[in-house]
Structure formats: structure tokens, C-alpha cells
Amino acid sequence: STGGVTITARSVNDVQSAVERIFPLVYEFRKPRTPADEEMLRQRRAA
């Protein structure tokens, strides 16, 4: 639920392909950002 994903596959290319496949599926069920998340994202971009 925090957004972390652990992938187990047969090769590094399969790991990357799995992330590309799962991203549009979980993007539909993303949680709305809180003010704390917005501030953390702003600090991450500044750094």
C-alpha cells in the first residue's frame, strides 16, 4: 500500500518489463496526495 513493489523474474529485462506492465494497472488505484506528500515531493525535486 505504500507504493513499494518487489519483483521476482528470470532476468533483468523481465524485471523491467514487469514494472512497465504493472504501472498502468496500479496507477488507476493510486491514493490522493496529502500536503505532506506534496512537500516531500517538492523537497526531492529541489535536491
ModelCIF file with pLDDT and N, C-alpha, C, O atoms, coordinates in Angstrom:
data_MODEL
#
_entry.id   MODEL 
#
_entity.id                         1 
_entity.type                       polymer 
_entity.pdbx_number_of_molecules   1 
#
_entity_poly.entity_id                      1 
_entity_poly.type                           'polypeptide(L)' 
_entity_poly.nstd_linkage                   no 
_entity_poly.nstd_monomer                   no 
_entity_poly.pdbx_seq_one_letter_code       STGGVTITARSVNDVQSAVERIFPLVYEFRKPRTPADEEMLRQRRAA 
_entity_poly.pdbx_seq_one_letter_code_can   STGGVTITARSVNDVQSAVERIFPLVYEFRKPRTPADEEMLRQRRAA 
_entity_poly.pdbx_strand_id                 A 
#
loop_
_entity_poly_seq.entity_id 
_entity_poly_seq.num 
_entity_poly_seq.mon_id 
_entity_poly_seq.hetero 
1 1  SER n 
1 2  THR n 
1 3  GLY n 
1 4  GLY n 
1 5  VAL n 
1 6  THR n 
1 7  ILE n 
1 8  THR n 
1 9  ALA n 
1 10 ARG n 
1 11 SER n 
1 12 VAL n 
1 13 ASN n 
1 14 ASP n 
1 15 VAL n 
1 16 GLN n 
1 17 SER n 
1 18 ALA n 
1 19 VAL n 
1 20 GLU n 
1 21 ARG n 
1 22 ILE n 
1 23 PHE n 
1 24 PRO n 
1 25 LEU n 
1 26 VAL n 
1 27 TYR n 
1 28 GLU n 
1 29 PHE n 
1 30 ARG n 
1 31 LYS n 
1 32 PRO n 
1 33 ARG n 
1 34 THR n 
1 35 PRO n 
1 36 ALA n 
1 37 ASP n 
1 38 GLU n 
1 39 GLU n 
1 40 MET n 
1 41 LEU n 
1 42 ARG n 
1 43 GLN n 
1 44 ARG n 
1 45 ARG n 
1 46 ALA n 
1 47 ALA n 
#
_struct_asym.id          A 
_struct_asym.entity_id   1 
#
loop_
_ma_qa_metric.id 
_ma_qa_metric.mode 
_ma_qa_metric.name 
_ma_qa_metric.software_group_id 
_ma_qa_metric.type 
1 global pLDDT . pLDDT 
2 local  pLDDT . pLDDT 
#
_ma_qa_metric_global.metric_id      1 
_ma_qa_metric_global.metric_value   87.53 
_ma_qa_metric_global.model_id       1 
_ma_qa_metric_global.ordinal_id     1 
#
loop_
_ma_qa_metric_local.label_asym_id 
_ma_qa_metric_local.label_comp_id 
_ma_qa_metric_local.label_seq_id 
_ma_qa_metric_local.metric_id 
_ma_qa_metric_local.metric_value 
_ma_qa_metric_local.model_id 
_ma_qa_metric_local.ordinal_id 
A SER 1  2 91.00 1 1  
A THR 2  2 90.00 1 2  
A GLY 3  2 91.00 1 3  
A GLY 4  2 93.00 1 4  
A VAL 5  2 95.00 1 5  
A THR 6  2 96.00 1 6  
A ILE 7  2 96.00 1 7  
A THR 8  2 96.00 1 8  
A ALA 9  2 96.00 1 9  
A ARG 10 2 94.00 1 10 
A SER 11 2 94.00 1 11 
A VAL 12 2 93.00 1 12 
A ASN 13 2 93.00 1 13 
A ASP 14 2 94.00 1 14 
A VAL 15 2 95.00 1 15 
A GLN 16 2 93.00 1 16 
A SER 17 2 94.00 1 17 
A ALA 18 2 94.00 1 18 
A VAL 19 2 94.00 1 19 
A GLU 20 2 92.00 1 20 
A ARG 21 2 93.00 1 21 
A ILE 22 2 93.00 1 22 
A PHE 23 2 93.00 1 23 
A PRO 24 2 92.00 1 24 
A LEU 25 2 93.00 1 25 
A VAL 26 2 93.00 1 26 
A TYR 27 2 92.00 1 27 
A GLU 28 2 91.00 1 28 
A PHE 29 2 92.00 1 29 
A ARG 30 2 89.00 1 30 
A LYS 31 2 86.00 1 31 
A PRO 32 2 83.00 1 32 
A ARG 33 2 74.00 1 33 
A THR 34 2 75.00 1 34 
A PRO 35 2 79.00 1 35 
A ALA 36 2 76.00 1 36 
A ASP 37 2 70.00 1 37 
A GLU 38 2 75.00 1 38 
A GLU 39 2 79.00 1 39 
A MET 40 2 75.00 1 40 
A LEU 41 2 72.00 1 41 
A ARG 42 2 81.00 1 42 
A GLN 43 2 81.00 1 43 
A ARG 44 2 75.00 1 44 
A ARG 45 2 76.00 1 45 
A ALA 46 2 82.00 1 46 
A ALA 47 2 80.00 1 47 
#
loop_
_atom_site.group_PDB 
_atom_site.id 
_atom_site.type_symbol 
_atom_site.label_atom_id 
_atom_site.label_alt_id 
_atom_site.label_comp_id 
_atom_site.label_asym_id 
_atom_site.label_entity_id 
_atom_site.label_seq_id 
_atom_site.pdbx_PDB_ins_code 
_atom_site.Cartn_x 
_atom_site.Cartn_y 
_atom_site.Cartn_z 
_atom_site.occupancy 
_atom_site.B_iso_or_equiv 
_atom_site.pdbx_formal_charge 
_atom_site.auth_seq_id 
_atom_site.auth_comp_id 
_atom_site.auth_asym_id 
_atom_site.auth_atom_id 
_atom_site.pdbx_PDB_model_num 
ATOM 1   N N  . SER A 1 1  ? 0.816  -1.213  0.000   1.00 91.00 ? 1  SER A N  1 
ATOM 2   C CA . SER A 1 1  ? 0.000  0.000   0.000   1.00 91.00 ? 1  SER A CA 1 
ATOM 3   C C  . SER A 1 1  ? 0.849  1.261   0.000   1.00 91.00 ? 1  SER A C  1 
ATOM 4   O O  . SER A 1 1  ? 0.365  2.318   -0.405  1.00 91.00 ? 1  SER A O  1 
ATOM 5   N N  . THR A 1 2  ? 2.092  1.185   0.438   1.00 90.00 ? 2  THR A N  1 
ATOM 6   C CA . THR A 1 2  ? 2.971  2.359   0.443   1.00 90.00 ? 2  THR A CA 1 
ATOM 7   C C  . THR A 1 2  ? 3.498  2.709   -0.947  1.00 90.00 ? 2  THR A C  1 
ATOM 8   O O  . THR A 1 2  ? 4.089  3.773   -1.131  1.00 90.00 ? 2  THR A O  1 
ATOM 9   N N  . GLY A 1 3  ? 3.294  1.833   -1.919  1.00 91.00 ? 3  GLY A N  1 
ATOM 10  C CA . GLY A 1 3  ? 3.815  2.045   -3.258  1.00 91.00 ? 3  GLY A CA 1 
ATOM 11  C C  . GLY A 1 3  ? 5.026  1.202   -3.590  1.00 91.00 ? 3  GLY A C  1 
ATOM 12  O O  . GLY A 1 3  ? 5.482  1.208   -4.734  1.00 91.00 ? 3  GLY A O  1 
ATOM 13  N N  . GLY A 1 4  ? 5.554  0.479   -2.626  1.00 93.00 ? 4  GLY A N  1 
ATOM 14  C CA . GLY A 1 4  ? 6.691  -0.394  -2.882  1.00 93.00 ? 4  GLY A CA 1 
ATOM 15  C C  . GLY A 1 4  ? 6.279  -1.657  -3.619  1.00 93.00 ? 4  GLY A C  1 
ATOM 16  O O  . GLY A 1 4  ? 5.223  -2.230  -3.353  1.00 93.00 ? 4  GLY A O  1 
ATOM 17  N N  . VAL A 1 5  ? 7.128  -2.083  -4.551  1.00 95.00 ? 5  VAL A N  1 
ATOM 18  C CA . VAL A 1 5  ? 6.859  -3.275  -5.361  1.00 95.00 ? 5  VAL A CA 1 
ATOM 19  C C  . VAL A 1 5  ? 8.129  -4.118  -5.384  1.00 95.00 ? 5  VAL A C  1 
ATOM 20  O O  . VAL A 1 5  ? 9.220  -3.610  -5.644  1.00 95.00 ? 5  VAL A O  1 
ATOM 21  N N  . THR A 1 6  ? 7.976  -5.396  -5.111  1.00 96.00 ? 6  THR A N  1 
ATOM 22  C CA . THR A 1 6  ? 9.079  -6.356  -5.191  1.00 96.00 ? 6  THR A CA 1 
ATOM 23  C C  . THR A 1 6  ? 8.809  -7.298  -6.345  1.00 96.00 ? 6  THR A C  1 
ATOM 24  O O  . THR A 1 6  ? 7.735  -7.893  -6.427  1.00 96.00 ? 6  THR A O  1 
ATOM 25  N N  . ILE A 1 7  ? 9.787  -7.438  -7.245  1.00 96.00 ? 7  ILE A N  1 
ATOM 26  C CA . ILE A 1 7  ? 9.611  -8.222  -8.468  1.00 96.00 ? 7  ILE A CA 1 
ATOM 27  C C  . ILE A 1 7  ? 10.597 -9.385  -8.461  1.00 96.00 ? 7  ILE A C  1 
ATOM 28  O O  . ILE A 1 7  ? 11.780 -9.216  -8.164  1.00 96.00 ? 7  ILE A O  1 
ATOM 29  N N  . THR A 1 8  ? 10.096 -10.549 -8.788  1.00 96.00 ? 8  THR A N  1 
ATOM 30  C CA . THR A 1 8  ? 10.924 -11.745 -8.957  1.00 96.00 ? 8  THR A CA 1 
ATOM 31  C C  . THR A 1 8  ? 10.695 -12.276 -10.366 1.00 96.00 ? 8  THR A C  1 
ATOM 32  O O  . THR A 1 8  ? 9.573  -12.617 -10.741 1.00 96.00 ? 8  THR A O  1 
ATOM 33  N N  . ALA A 1 9  ? 11.786 -12.342 -11.147 1.00 96.00 ? 9  ALA A N  1 
ATOM 34  C CA . ALA A 1 9  ? 11.684 -12.778 -12.543 1.00 96.00 ? 9  ALA A CA 1 
ATOM 35  C C  . ALA A 1 9  ? 12.934 -13.565 -12.910 1.00 96.00 ? 9  ALA A C  1 
ATOM 36  O O  . ALA A 1 9  ? 13.817 -13.786 -12.081 1.00 96.00 ? 9  ALA A O  1 
ATOM 37  N N  . ARG A 1 10 ? 12.989 -13.986 -14.186 1.00 94.00 ? 10 ARG A N  1 
ATOM 38  C CA . ARG A 1 10 ? 14.096 -14.825 -14.633 1.00 94.00 ? 10 ARG A CA 1 
ATOM 39  C C  . ARG A 1 10 ? 15.295 -14.019 -15.118 1.00 94.00 ? 10 ARG A C  1 
ATOM 40  O O  . ARG A 1 10 ? 16.400 -14.558 -15.192 1.00 94.00 ? 10 ARG A O  1 
ATOM 41  N N  . SER A 1 11 ? 15.109 -12.753 -15.447 1.00 94.00 ? 11 SER A N  1 
ATOM 42  C CA . SER A 1 11 ? 16.215 -11.932 -15.948 1.00 94.00 ? 11 SER A CA 1 
ATOM 43  C C  . SER A 1 11 ? 15.943 -10.479 -15.592 1.00 94.00 ? 11 SER A C  1 
ATOM 44  O O  . SER A 1 11 ? 14.849 -10.124 -15.152 1.00 94.00 ? 11 SER A O  1 
ATOM 45  N N  . VAL A 1 12 ? 16.961 -9.644  -15.790 1.00 93.00 ? 12 VAL A N  1 
ATOM 46  C CA . VAL A 1 12 ? 16.823 -8.218  -15.503 1.00 93.00 ? 12 VAL A CA 1 
ATOM 47  C C  . VAL A 1 12 ? 15.839 -7.575  -16.476 1.00 93.00 ? 12 VAL A C  1 
ATOM 48  O O  . VAL A 1 12 ? 15.065 -6.700  -16.087 1.00 93.00 ? 12 VAL A O  1 
ATOM 49  N N  . ASN A 1 13 ? 15.864 -8.001  -17.730 1.00 93.00 ? 13 ASN A N  1 
ATOM 50  C CA . ASN A 1 13 ? 14.924 -7.447  -18.712 1.00 93.00 ? 13 ASN A CA 1 
ATOM 51  C C  . ASN A 1 13 ? 13.481 -7.790  -18.357 1.00 93.00 ? 13 ASN A C  1 
ATOM 52  O O  . ASN A 1 13 ? 12.580 -6.977  -18.562 1.00 93.00 ? 13 ASN A O  1 
ATOM 53  N N  . ASP A 1 14 ? 13.258 -8.997  -17.822 1.00 94.00 ? 14 ASP A N  1 
ATOM 54  C CA . ASP A 1 14 ? 11.901 -9.366  -17.410 1.00 94.00 ? 14 ASP A CA 1 
ATOM 55  C C  . ASP A 1 14 ? 11.445 -8.523  -16.219 1.00 94.00 ? 14 ASP A C  1 
ATOM 56  O O  . ASP A 1 14 ? 10.260 -8.211  -16.104 1.00 94.00 ? 14 ASP A O  1 
ATOM 57  N N  . VAL A 1 15 ? 12.363 -8.154  -15.340 1.00 95.00 ? 15 VAL A N  1 
ATOM 58  C CA . VAL A 1 15 ? 12.001 -7.287  -14.213 1.00 95.00 ? 15 VAL A CA 1 
ATOM 59  C C  . VAL A 1 15 ? 11.543 -5.923  -14.713 1.00 95.00 ? 15 VAL A C  1 
ATOM 60  O O  . VAL A 1 15 ? 10.537 -5.386  -14.249 1.00 95.00 ? 15 VAL A O  1 
ATOM 61  N N  . GLN A 1 16 ? 12.289 -5.369  -15.660 1.00 93.00 ? 16 GLN A N  1 
ATOM 62  C CA . GLN A 1 16 ? 11.904 -4.070  -16.205 1.00 93.00 ? 16 GLN A CA 1 
ATOM 63  C C  . GLN A 1 16 ? 10.574 -4.156  -16.952 1.00 93.00 ? 16 GLN A C  1 
ATOM 64  O O  . GLN A 1 16 ? 9.737  -3.262  -16.824 1.00 93.00 ? 16 GLN A O  1 
ATOM 65  N N  . SER A 1 17 ? 10.370 -5.210  -17.722 1.00 94.00 ? 17 SER A N  1 
ATOM 66  C CA . SER A 1 17 ? 9.108  -5.366  -18.444 1.00 94.00 ? 17 SER A CA 1 
ATOM 67  C C  . SER A 1 17 ? 7.937  -5.535  -17.476 1.00 94.00 ? 17 SER A C  1 
ATOM 68  O O  . SER A 1 17 ? 6.840  -5.040  -17.736 1.00 94.00 ? 17 SER A O  1 
ATOM 69  N N  . ALA A 1 18 ? 8.162  -6.228  -16.368 1.00 94.00 ? 18 ALA A N  1 
ATOM 70  C CA . ALA A 1 18 ? 7.094  -6.416  -15.393 1.00 94.00 ? 18 ALA A CA 1 
ATOM 71  C C  . ALA A 1 18 ? 6.688  -5.082  -14.756 1.00 94.00 ? 18 ALA A C  1 
ATOM 72  O O  . ALA A 1 18 ? 5.503  -4.845  -14.522 1.00 94.00 ? 18 ALA A O  1 
ATOM 73  N N  . VAL A 1 19 ? 7.653  -4.220  -14.480 1.00 94.00 ? 19 VAL A N  1 
ATOM 74  C CA . VAL A 1 19 ? 7.324  -2.905  -13.917 1.00 94.00 ? 19 VAL A CA 1 
ATOM 75  C C  . VAL A 1 19 ? 6.545  -2.073  -14.931 1.00 94.00 ? 19 VAL A C  1 
ATOM 76  O O  . VAL A 1 19 ? 5.605  -1.369  -14.562 1.00 94.00 ? 19 VAL A O  1 
ATOM 77  N N  . GLU A 1 20 ? 6.929  -2.149  -16.208 1.00 92.00 ? 20 GLU A N  1 
ATOM 78  C CA . GLU A 1 20 ? 6.204  -1.411  -17.240 1.00 92.00 ? 20 GLU A CA 1 
ATOM 79  C C  . GLU A 1 20 ? 4.775  -1.929  -17.406 1.00 92.00 ? 20 GLU A C  1 
ATOM 80  O O  . GLU A 1 20 ? 3.872  -1.162  -17.742 1.00 92.00 ? 20 GLU A O  1 
ATOM 81  N N  . ARG A 1 21 ? 4.569  -3.223  -17.172 1.00 93.00 ? 21 ARG A N  1 
ATOM 82  C CA . ARG A 1 21 ? 3.224  -3.789  -17.300 1.00 93.00 ? 21 ARG A CA 1 
ATOM 83  C C  . ARG A 1 21 ? 2.346  -3.447  -16.100 1.00 93.00 ? 21 ARG A C  1 
ATOM 84  O O  . ARG A 1 21 ? 1.145  -3.224  -16.259 1.00 93.00 ? 21 ARG A O  1 
ATOM 85  N N  . ILE A 1 22 ? 2.927  -3.403  -14.906 1.00 93.00 ? 22 ILE A N  1 
ATOM 86  C CA . ILE A 1 22 ? 2.117  -3.209  -13.705 1.00 93.00 ? 22 ILE A CA 1 
ATOM 87  C C  . ILE A 1 22 ? 1.830  -1.740  -13.440 1.00 93.00 ? 22 ILE A C  1 
ATOM 88  O O  . ILE A 1 22 ? 0.867  -1.429  -12.739 1.00 93.00 ? 22 ILE A O  1 
ATOM 89  N N  . PHE A 1 23 ? 2.628  -0.832  -13.975 1.00 93.00 ? 23 PHE A N  1 
ATOM 90  C CA . PHE A 1 23 ? 2.438  0.592   -13.658 1.00 93.00 ? 23 PHE A CA 1 
ATOM 91  C C  . PHE A 1 23 ? 1.069  1.116   -14.079 1.00 93.00 ? 23 PHE A C  1 
ATOM 92  O O  . PHE A 1 23 ? 0.408  1.746   -13.253 1.00 93.00 ? 23 PHE A O  1 
ATOM 93  N N  . PRO A 1 24 ? 0.590  0.894   -15.328 1.00 92.00 ? 24 PRO A N  1 
ATOM 94  C CA . PRO A 1 24 ? -0.742 1.418   -15.673 1.00 92.00 ? 24 PRO A CA 1 
ATOM 95  C C  . PRO A 1 24 ? -1.871 0.770   -14.879 1.00 92.00 ? 24 PRO A C  1 
ATOM 96  O O  . PRO A 1 24 ? -2.937 1.367   -14.729 1.00 92.00 ? 24 PRO A O  1 
ATOM 97  N N  . LEU A 1 25 ? -1.653 -0.447  -14.365 1.00 93.00 ? 25 LEU A N  1 
ATOM 98  C CA . LEU A 1 25 ? -2.699 -1.104  -13.588 1.00 93.00 ? 25 LEU A CA 1 
ATOM 99  C C  . LEU A 1 25 ? -2.835 -0.485  -12.200 1.00 93.00 ? 25 LEU A C  1 
ATOM 100 O O  . LEU A 1 25 ? -3.949 -0.250  -11.732 1.00 93.00 ? 25 LEU A O  1 
ATOM 101 N N  . VAL A 1 26 ? -1.712 -0.223  -11.543 1.00 93.00 ? 26 VAL A N  1 
ATOM 102 C CA . VAL A 1 26 ? -1.777 0.345   -10.191 1.00 93.00 ? 26 VAL A CA 1 
ATOM 103 C C  . VAL A 1 26 ? -2.006 1.851   -10.232 1.00 93.00 ? 26 VAL A C  1 
ATOM 104 O O  . VAL A 1 26 ? -2.438 2.431   -9.235  1.00 93.00 ? 26 VAL A O  1 
ATOM 105 N N  . TYR A 1 27 ? -1.724 2.501   -11.372 1.00 92.00 ? 27 TYR A N  1 
ATOM 106 C CA . TYR A 1 27 ? -1.932 3.952   -11.461 1.00 92.00 ? 27 TYR A CA 1 
ATOM 107 C C  . TYR A 1 27 ? -3.413 4.304   -11.312 1.00 92.00 ? 27 TYR A C  1 
ATOM 108 O O  . TYR A 1 27 ? -3.762 5.382   -10.831 1.00 92.00 ? 27 TYR A O  1 
ATOM 109 N N  . GLU A 1 28 ? -4.264 3.387   -11.726 1.00 91.00 ? 28 GLU A N  1 
ATOM 110 C CA . GLU A 1 28 ? -5.705 3.621   -11.605 1.00 91.00 ? 28 GLU A CA 1 
ATOM 111 C C  . GLU A 1 28 ? -6.158 3.654   -10.153 1.00 91.00 ? 28 GLU A C  1 
ATOM 112 O O  . GLU A 1 28 ? -7.155 4.302   -9.833  1.00 91.00 ? 28 GLU A O  1 
ATOM 113 N N  . PHE A 1 29 ? -5.438 2.962   -9.265  1.00 92.00 ? 29 PHE A N  1 
ATOM 114 C CA . PHE A 1 29 ? -5.819 2.859   -7.861  1.00 92.00 ? 29 PHE A CA 1 
ATOM 115 C C  . PHE A 1 29 ? -4.849 3.642   -6.969  1.00 92.00 ? 29 PHE A C  1 
ATOM 116 O O  . PHE A 1 29 ? -4.630 3.266   -5.817  1.00 92.00 ? 29 PHE A O  1 
ATOM 117 N N  . ARG A 1 30 ? -4.283 4.697   -7.479  1.00 89.00 ? 30 ARG A N  1 
ATOM 118 C CA . ARG A 1 30 ? -3.359 5.499   -6.676  1.00 89.00 ? 30 ARG A CA 1 
ATOM 119 C C  . ARG A 1 30 ? -4.129 6.297   -5.620  1.00 89.00 ? 30 ARG A C  1 
ATOM 120 O O  . ARG A 1 30 ? -5.280 6.681   -5.824  1.00 89.00 ? 30 ARG A O  1 
ATOM 121 N N  . LYS A 1 31 ? -3.471 6.532   -4.506  1.00 86.00 ? 31 LYS A N  1 
ATOM 122 C CA . LYS A 1 31 ? -4.060 7.320   -3.434  1.00 86.00 ? 31 LYS A CA 1 
ATOM 123 C C  . LYS A 1 31 ? -3.842 8.807   -3.694  1.00 86.00 ? 31 LYS A C  1 
ATOM 124 O O  . LYS A 1 31 ? -2.810 9.178   -4.254  1.00 86.00 ? 31 LYS A O  1 
ATOM 125 N N  . PRO A 1 32 ? -4.792 9.681   -3.301  1.00 83.00 ? 32 PRO A N  1 
ATOM 126 C CA . PRO A 1 32 ? -4.563 11.129  -3.457  1.00 83.00 ? 32 PRO A CA 1 
ATOM 127 C C  . PRO A 1 32 ? -3.419 11.581  -2.559  1.00 83.00 ? 32 PRO A C  1 
ATOM 128 O O  . PRO A 1 32 ? -3.236 11.077  -1.451  1.00 83.00 ? 32 PRO A O  1 
ATOM 129 N N  . ARG A 1 33 ? -2.660 12.540  -3.062  1.00 74.00 ? 33 ARG A N  1 
ATOM 130 C CA . ARG A 1 33 ? -1.508 13.040  -2.318  1.00 74.00 ? 33 ARG A CA 1 
ATOM 131 C C  . ARG A 1 33 ? -1.958 13.951  -1.180  1.00 74.00 ? 33 ARG A C  1 
ATOM 132 O O  . ARG A 1 33 ? -2.856 14.778  -1.343  1.00 74.00 ? 33 ARG A O  1 
ATOM 133 N N  . THR A 1 34 ? -1.324 13.784  -0.041  1.00 75.00 ? 34 THR A N  1 
ATOM 134 C CA . THR A 1 34 ? -1.557 14.640  1.109   1.00 75.00 ? 34 THR A CA 1 
ATOM 135 C C  . THR A 1 34 ? -0.598 15.830  1.059   1.00 75.00 ? 34 THR A C  1 
ATOM 136 O O  . THR A 1 34 ? 0.385  15.789  0.319   1.00 75.00 ? 34 THR A O  1 
ATOM 137 N N  . PRO A 1 35 ? -0.863 16.896  1.834   1.00 79.00 ? 35 PRO A N  1 
ATOM 138 C CA . PRO A 1 35 ? 0.101  18.023  1.863   1.00 79.00 ? 35 PRO A CA 1 
ATOM 139 C C  . PRO A 1 35 ? 1.512  17.599  2.248   1.00 79.00 ? 35 PRO A C  1 
ATOM 140 O O  . PRO A 1 35 ? 2.485  18.171  1.757   1.00 79.00 ? 35 PRO A O  1 
ATOM 141 N N  . ALA A 1 36 ? 1.634  16.605  3.120   1.00 76.00 ? 36 ALA A N  1 
ATOM 142 C CA . ALA A 1 36 ? 2.973  16.121  3.493   1.00 76.00 ? 36 ALA A CA 1 
ATOM 143 C C  . ALA A 1 36 ? 3.662  15.478  2.293   1.00 76.00 ? 36 ALA A C  1 
ATOM 144 O O  . ALA A 1 36 ? 4.865  15.652  2.100   1.00 76.00 ? 36 ALA A O  1 
ATOM 145 N N  . ASP A 1 37 ? 2.899  14.732  1.482   1.00 70.00 ? 37 ASP A N  1 
ATOM 146 C CA . ASP A 1 37 ? 3.481  14.122  0.285   1.00 70.00 ? 37 ASP A CA 1 
ATOM 147 C C  . ASP A 1 37 ? 3.908  15.182  -0.716  1.00 70.00 ? 37 ASP A C  1 
ATOM 148 O O  . ASP A 1 37 ? 4.957  15.050  -1.346  1.00 70.00 ? 37 ASP A O  1 
ATOM 149 N N  . GLU A 1 38 ? 3.107  16.234  -0.873  1.00 75.00 ? 38 GLU A N  1 
ATOM 150 C CA . GLU A 1 38 ? 3.470  17.311  -1.789  1.00 75.00 ? 38 GLU A CA 1 
ATOM 151 C C  . GLU A 1 38 ? 4.753  18.007  -1.343  1.00 75.00 ? 38 GLU A C  1 
ATOM 152 O O  . GLU A 1 38 ? 5.609  18.330  -2.166  1.00 75.00 ? 38 GLU A O  1 
ATOM 153 N N  . GLU A 1 39 ? 4.881  18.235  -0.030  1.00 79.00 ? 39 GLU A N  1 
ATOM 154 C CA . GLU A 1 39 ? 6.089  18.882  0.475   1.00 79.00 ? 39 GLU A CA 1 
ATOM 155 C C  . GLU A 1 39 ? 7.310  17.989  0.287   1.00 79.00 ? 39 GLU A C  1 
ATOM 156 O O  . GLU A 1 39 ? 8.389  18.474  -0.054  1.00 79.00 ? 39 GLU A O  1 
ATOM 157 N N  . MET A 1 40 ? 7.146  16.687  0.509   1.00 75.00 ? 40 MET A N  1 
ATOM 158 C CA . MET A 1 40 ? 8.264  15.764  0.310   1.00 75.00 ? 40 MET A CA 1 
ATOM 159 C C  . MET A 1 40 ? 8.670  15.697  -1.152  1.00 75.00 ? 40 MET A C  1 
ATOM 160 O O  . MET A 1 40 ? 9.861  15.631  -1.459  1.00 75.00 ? 40 MET A O  1 
ATOM 161 N N  . LEU A 1 41 ? 7.689  15.713  -2.069  1.00 72.00 ? 41 LEU A N  1 
ATOM 162 C CA . LEU A 1 41 ? 7.991  15.693  -3.491  1.00 72.00 ? 41 LEU A CA 1 
ATOM 163 C C  . LEU A 1 41 ? 8.700  16.969  -3.911  1.00 72.00 ? 41 LEU A C  1 
ATOM 164 O O  . LEU A 1 41 ? 9.609  16.932  -4.741  1.00 72.00 ? 41 LEU A O  1 
ATOM 165 N N  . ARG A 1 42 ? 8.285  18.111  -3.339  1.00 81.00 ? 42 ARG A N  1 
ATOM 166 C CA . ARG A 1 42 ? 8.938  19.375  -3.669  1.00 81.00 ? 42 ARG A CA 1 
ATOM 167 C C  . ARG A 1 42 ? 10.388 19.386  -3.179  1.00 81.00 ? 42 ARG A C  1 
ATOM 168 O O  . ARG A 1 42 ? 11.274 19.875  -3.879  1.00 81.00 ? 42 ARG A O  1 
ATOM 169 N N  . GLN A 1 43 ? 10.627 18.859  -2.001  1.00 81.00 ? 43 GLN A N  1 
ATOM 170 C CA . GLN A 1 43 ? 11.999 18.790  -1.494  1.00 81.00 ? 43 GLN A CA 1 
ATOM 171 C C  . GLN A 1 43 ? 12.852 17.842  -2.318  1.00 81.00 ? 43 GLN A C  1 
ATOM 172 O O  . GLN A 1 43 ? 14.035 18.101  -2.539  1.00 81.00 ? 43 GLN A O  1 
ATOM 173 N N  . ARG A 1 44 ? 12.265 16.754  -2.771  1.00 75.00 ? 44 ARG A N  1 
ATOM 174 C CA . ARG A 1 44 ? 13.022 15.800  -3.580  1.00 75.00 ? 44 ARG A CA 1 
ATOM 175 C C  . ARG A 1 44 ? 13.419 16.407  -4.920  1.00 75.00 ? 44 ARG A C  1 
ATOM 176 O O  . ARG A 1 44 ? 14.525 16.165  -5.405  1.00 75.00 ? 44 ARG A O  1 
ATOM 177 N N  . ARG A 1 45 ? 12.524 17.196  -5.526  1.00 76.00 ? 45 ARG A N  1 
ATOM 178 C CA . ARG A 1 45 ? 12.860 17.854  -6.783  1.00 76.00 ? 45 ARG A CA 1 
ATOM 179 C C  . ARG A 1 45 ? 13.927 18.919  -6.591  1.00 76.00 ? 45 ARG A C  1 
ATOM 180 O O  . ARG A 1 45 ? 14.798 19.101  -7.443  1.00 76.00 ? 45 ARG A O  1 
ATOM 181 N N  . ALA A 1 46 ? 13.853 19.635  -5.446  1.00 82.00 ? 46 ALA A N  1 
ATOM 182 C CA . ALA A 1 46 ? 14.857 20.672  -5.194  1.00 82.00 ? 46 ALA A CA 1 
ATOM 183 C C  . ALA A 1 46 ? 16.228 20.067  -4.932  1.00 82.00 ? 46 ALA A C  1 
ATOM 184 O O  . ALA A 1 46 ? 17.246 20.670  -5.271  1.00 82.00 ? 46 ALA A O  1 
ATOM 185 N N  . ALA A 1 47 ? 16.264 18.882  -4.332  1.00 80.00 ? 47 ALA A N  1 
ATOM 186 C CA . ALA A 1 47 ? 17.546 18.241  -4.034  1.00 80.00 ? 47 ALA A CA 1 
ATOM 187 C C  . ALA A 1 47 ? 18.098 17.437  -5.189  1.00 80.00 ? 47 ALA A C  1 
ATOM 188 O O  . ALA A 1 47 ? 19.172 16.846  -5.072  1.00 80.00 ? 47 ALA A O  1 
#
